[in-house]
C-alpha atoms as a PDB file:
ATOM      1  CA  MET A   1     -86.309 -57.694  90.116  1.00  0.00           C
ATOM      2  CA  LYS A   2     -89.984 -57.296  90.848  1.00  0.00           C
ATOM      3  CA  ALA A   3     -93.217 -59.145  90.202  1.00  0.00           C
ATOM      4  CA  GLU A   4     -96.853 -58.738  91.153  1.00  0.00           C
ATOM      5  CA  ILE A   5     -99.431 -61.489  91.551  1.00  0.00           C
ATOM      6  CA  LYS A   6    -103.124 -60.624  91.251  1.00  0.00           C
ATOM      7  CA  TRP A   7    -105.948 -62.914  92.244  1.00  0.00           C
ATOM      8  CA  SER A   8    -108.385 -63.506  89.368  1.00  0.00           C
ATOM      9  CA  GLY A   9    -111.014 -65.425  91.305  1.00  0.00           C
ATOM     10  CA  GLU A  10    -111.433 -69.026  92.379  1.00  0.00           C
ATOM     11  CA  ALA A  11    -107.890 -70.522  92.321  1.00  0.00           C
ATOM     12  CA  LYS A  12    -106.521 -68.421  89.448  1.00  0.00           C
ATOM     13  CA  PHE A  13    -103.772 -65.820  89.715  1.00  0.00           C
ATOM     14  CA  VAL A  14    -102.116 -63.641  87.094  1.00  0.00           C
ATOM     15  CA  ALA A  15     -98.416 -62.976  87.586  1.00  0.00           C
ATOM     16  CA  HIS A  16     -96.965 -59.753  86.140  1.00  0.00           C
ATOM     17  CA  SER A  17     -93.191 -59.627  85.743  1.00  0.00           C
ATOM     18  CA  GLY A  18     -91.110 -56.515  86.159  1.00  0.00           C
ATOM     19  CA  SER A  19     -90.066 -56.878  82.516  1.00  0.00           C
ATOM     20  CA  GLY A  20     -93.662 -56.456  81.343  1.00  0.00           C
ATOM     21  CA  HIS A  21     -94.878 -60.013  80.832  1.00  0.00           C
ATOM     22  CA  GLU A  22     -97.754 -61.878  82.375  1.00  0.00           C
ATOM     23  CA  ILE A  23     -98.722 -65.481  82.889  1.00  0.00           C
ATOM     24  CA  THR A  24    -101.796 -67.104  84.365  1.00  0.00           C
ATOM     25  CA  MET A  25    -101.428 -69.702  87.110  1.00  0.00           C
ATOM     26  CA  ASP A  26    -104.382 -71.852  88.115  1.00  0.00           C
ATOM     27  CA  GLY A  27    -105.163 -74.716  90.413  1.00  0.00           C
ATOM     28  CA  PRO A  28    -106.657 -78.070  89.539  1.00  0.00           C
ATOM     29  CA  PRO A  29    -110.438 -78.501  89.597  1.00  0.00           C
ATOM     30  CA  ASP A  30    -110.272 -80.512  92.839  1.00  0.00           C
ATOM     31  CA  HIS A  31    -108.796 -77.413  94.504  1.00  0.00           C
ATOM     32  CA  GLY A  32    -111.255 -74.908  93.043  1.00  0.00           C
ATOM     33  CA  GLY A  33    -109.338 -74.130  89.870  1.00  0.00           C
ATOM     34  CA  GLN A  34    -110.246 -74.488  86.216  1.00  0.00           C
ATOM     35  CA  ASN A  35    -106.856 -75.745  84.984  1.00  0.00           C
ATOM     36  CA  GLN A  36    -106.278 -72.586  82.915  1.00  0.00           C
ATOM     37  CA  GLY A  37    -102.569 -72.310  83.609  1.00  0.00           C
ATOM     38  CA  PRO A  38     -99.596 -74.008  85.223  1.00  0.00           C
ATOM     39  CA  ARG A  39     -99.430 -74.561  88.967  1.00  0.00           C
ATOM     40  CA  PRO A  40     -97.035 -72.337  90.938  1.00  0.00           C
ATOM     41  CA  MET A  41     -94.646 -75.234  91.624  1.00  0.00           C
ATOM     42  CA  GLU A  42     -94.655 -76.081  87.915  1.00  0.00           C
ATOM     43  CA  MET A  43     -93.545 -72.494  87.345  1.00  0.00           C
ATOM     44  CA  VAL A  44     -90.588 -73.064  89.687  1.00  0.00           C
ATOM     45  CA  LEU A  45     -89.665 -76.207  87.742  1.00  0.00           C
ATOM     46  CA  MET A  46     -90.033 -74.422  84.398  1.00  0.00           C
ATOM     47  CA  GLY A  47     -87.930 -71.526  85.706  1.00  0.00           C
ATOM     48  CA  LEU A  48     -85.162 -73.954  86.638  1.00  0.00           C
ATOM     49  CA  GLY A  49     -85.308 -75.516  83.168  1.00  0.00           C
ATOM     50  CA  GLY A  50     -85.243 -72.125  81.479  1.00  0.00           C
ATOM     51  CA  CYS A  51     -82.349 -70.868  83.581  1.00  0.00           C
ATOM     52  CA  SER A  52     -80.286 -74.007  82.996  1.00  0.00           C
ATOM     53  CA  SER A  53     -81.101 -74.184  79.278  1.00  0.00           C
ATOM     54  CA  PHE A  54     -80.100 -70.550  78.790  1.00  0.00           C
ATOM     55  CA  ASP A  55     -76.757 -71.247  80.478  1.00  0.00           C
ATOM     56  CA  VAL A  56     -76.047 -74.369  78.425  1.00  0.00           C
ATOM     57  CA  MET A  57     -76.921 -72.591  75.163  1.00  0.00           C
ATOM     58  CA  SER A  58     -74.835 -69.549  76.049  1.00  0.00           C
ATOM     59  CA  ILE A  59     -71.785 -71.531  77.171  1.00  0.00           C
ATOM     60  CA  LEU A  60     -71.890 -73.704  74.042  1.00  0.00           C
ATOM     61  CA  LYS A  61     -72.164 -70.664  71.772  1.00  0.00           C
ATOM     62  CA  LYS A  62     -69.189 -69.052  73.537  1.00  0.00           C
ATOM     63  CA  SER A  63     -67.324 -72.336  73.009  1.00  0.00           C
ATOM     64  CA  ARG A  64     -68.068 -71.944  69.286  1.00  0.00           C
ATOM     65  CA  GLN A  65     -70.118 -75.115  69.169  1.00  0.00           C
ATOM     66  CA  ASN A  66     -72.506 -75.281  66.203  1.00  0.00           C
ATOM     67  CA  ILE A  67     -75.701 -75.920  68.193  1.00  0.00           C
ATOM     68  CA  THR A  68     -79.127 -75.884  66.597  1.00  0.00           C
ATOM     69  CA  ASN A  69     -81.259 -76.776  69.614  1.00  0.00           C
ATOM     70  CA  VAL A  70     -81.150 -77.232  73.381  1.00  0.00           C
ATOM     71  CA  ASN A  71     -84.052 -79.090  74.945  1.00  0.00           C
ATOM     72  CA  CYS A  72     -84.305 -79.700  78.691  1.00  0.00           C
ATOM     73  CA  GLN A  73     -86.660 -82.343  80.059  1.00  0.00           C
ATOM     74  CA  LEU A  74     -87.239 -82.111  83.806  1.00  0.00           C
ATOM     75  CA  GLU A  75     -88.709 -84.597  86.237  1.00  0.00           C
ATOM     76  CA  ALA A  76     -89.302 -83.746  89.871  1.00  0.00           C
ATOM     77  CA  LYS A  77     -90.389 -85.517  93.030  1.00  0.00           C
ATOM     78  CA  ARG A  78     -92.073 -83.703  95.895  1.00  0.00           C
ATOM     79  CA  ALA A  79     -92.392 -84.436  99.587  1.00  0.00           C
ATOM     80  CA  ASP A  80     -95.586 -86.206 100.648  1.00  0.00           C
ATOM     81  CA  GLU A  81     -96.159 -83.884 103.606  1.00  0.00           C
ATOM     82  CA  VAL A  82     -96.977 -80.175 103.628  1.00  0.00           C
ATOM     83  CA  PRO A  83     -95.072 -78.155 102.620  1.00  0.00           C
ATOM     84  CA  SER A  84     -94.768 -80.360  99.550  1.00  0.00           C
ATOM     85  CA  VAL A  85     -91.327 -79.117  98.546  1.00  0.00           C
ATOM     86  CA  PHE A  86     -89.220 -80.568  95.775  1.00  0.00           C
ATOM     87  CA  THR A  87     -86.967 -83.348  97.060  1.00  0.00           C
ATOM     88  CA  ASP A  88     -85.389 -84.489  93.792  1.00  0.00           C
ATOM     89  CA  ILE A  89     -85.157 -82.954  90.326  1.00  0.00           C
ATOM     90  CA  HIS A  90     -83.509 -84.472  87.277  1.00  0.00           C
ATOM     91  CA  LEU A  91     -82.636 -82.407  84.199  1.00  0.00           C
ATOM     92  CA  HIS A  92     -82.012 -84.213  80.922  1.00  0.00           C
ATOM     93  CA  PHE A  93     -80.506 -82.017  78.214  1.00  0.00           C
ATOM     94  CA  VAL A  94     -80.834 -82.936  74.552  1.00  0.00           C
ATOM     95  CA  VAL A  95     -78.348 -80.868  72.567  1.00  0.00           C
ATOM     96  CA  SER A  96     -78.512 -80.926  68.783  1.00  0.00           C
ATOM     97  CA  GLY A  97     -76.013 -79.549  66.315  1.00  0.00           C
ATOM     98  CA  HIS A  98     -73.156 -80.122  63.929  1.00  0.00           C
ATOM     99  CA  ASN A  99     -69.734 -81.470  64.964  1.00  0.00           C
ATOM    100  CA  LEU A 100     -70.498 -81.053  68.672  1.00  0.00           C
ATOM    101  CA  LYS A 101     -67.728 -81.983  71.074  1.00  0.00           C
ATOM    102  CA  GLU A 102     -68.987 -84.049  73.987  1.00  0.00           C
ATOM    103  CA  ALA A 103     -66.463 -82.482  76.368  1.00  0.00           C
ATOM    104  CA  HIS A 104     -67.940 -79.049  75.648  1.00  0.00           C
ATOM    105  CA  VAL A 105     -71.521 -80.217  76.221  1.00  0.00           C
ATOM    106  CA  LYS A 106     -70.548 -81.944  79.474  1.00  0.00           C
ATOM    107  CA  ARG A 107     -68.703 -78.835  80.649  1.00  0.00           C
ATOM    108  CA  ALA A 108     -71.643 -76.559  79.778  1.00  0.00           C
ATOM    109  CA  VAL A 109     -74.073 -78.703  81.788  1.00  0.00           C
ATOM    110  CA  GLU A 110     -71.675 -78.857  84.750  1.00  0.00           C
ATOM    111  CA  LEU A 111     -70.963 -75.109  84.707  1.00  0.00           C
ATOM    112  CA  SER A 112     -74.665 -74.339  84.634  1.00  0.00           C
ATOM    113  CA  ALA A 113     -75.321 -76.642  87.580  1.00  0.00           C
ATOM    114  CA  ASP A 114     -72.335 -75.665  89.706  1.00  0.00           C
ATOM    115  CA  LYS A 115     -71.682 -72.024  88.909  1.00  0.00           C
ATOM    116  CA  TYR A 116     -74.187 -70.116  86.794  1.00  0.00           C
ATOM    117  CA  CYS A 117     -77.805 -71.220  87.220  1.00  0.00           C
ATOM    118  CA  SER A 118     -79.112 -69.188  90.132  1.00  0.00           C
ATOM    119  CA  ALA A 119     -82.321 -71.224  90.309  1.00  0.00           C
ATOM    120  CA  SER A 120     -80.452 -74.529  90.524  1.00  0.00           C
ATOM    121  CA  ILE A 121     -77.968 -73.306  93.105  1.00  0.00           C
ATOM    122  CA  MET A 122     -80.756 -71.806  95.234  1.00  0.00           C
ATOM    123  CA  LEU A 123     -82.737 -75.064  95.179  1.00  0.00           C
ATOM    124  CA  VAL A 124     -79.657 -77.151  96.024  1.00  0.00           C
ATOM    125  CA  LYS A 125     -78.907 -74.874  98.978  1.00  0.00           C
ATOM    126  CA  GLY A 126     -82.506 -75.476 100.058  1.00  0.00           C
ATOM    127  CA  GLY A 127     -81.904 -79.213 100.188  1.00  0.00           C
ATOM    128  CA  VAL A 128     -83.144 -80.344  96.770  1.00  0.00           C
ATOM    129  CA  ASN A 129     -81.144 -83.166  95.175  1.00  0.00           C
ATOM    130  CA  ILE A 130     -80.602 -82.060  91.568  1.00  0.00           C
ATOM    131  CA  THR A 131     -79.057 -84.351  88.987  1.00  0.00           C
ATOM    132  CA  HIS A 132     -78.217 -83.781  85.326  1.00  0.00           C
ATOM    133  CA  ASP A 133     -77.429 -85.758  82.238  1.00  0.00           C
ATOM    134  CA  TYR A 134     -77.311 -85.054  78.533  1.00  0.00           C
ATOM    135  CA  GLU A 135     -77.424 -86.560  75.110  1.00  0.00           C
ATOM    136  CA  ILE A 136     -76.078 -85.204  71.853  1.00  0.00           C
ATOM    137  CA  ILE A 137     -77.892 -85.439  68.552  1.00  0.00           C
ATOM    138  CA  GLU A 138     -75.527 -84.972  65.654  1.00  0.00           C
ATOM    139  CA  LEU A 139     -77.211 -83.444  62.611  1.00  0.00           C
END
């Protein structure tokens, strides 16, 4: 896996992924940015949410659950001192579908957290306290 980050002036950077995508990251105005993209640490948080959501969706599909949507809401706390690393992250999954079995949803969230989500496991090994919960919306 490869990526390249190019400075675009002031506090803006453009990240190019090895798979051919790009995204702009920018700082807040009080740090010289123009707020034209997410902050780098927001990207880490979004990556965790994407990784975990992909796992939950995939596991539920393999379990033949009739899911229509997986939404992951994340909330993180950071250390007050520099480096301002994540200390705590909570992921709240909202899984929608038809005739969903709670045991399958619970298992999918747990498997993502404990076995499959590389981002989550890496952050936990780095000392971040990550918690999860879920709700099911029956359609």
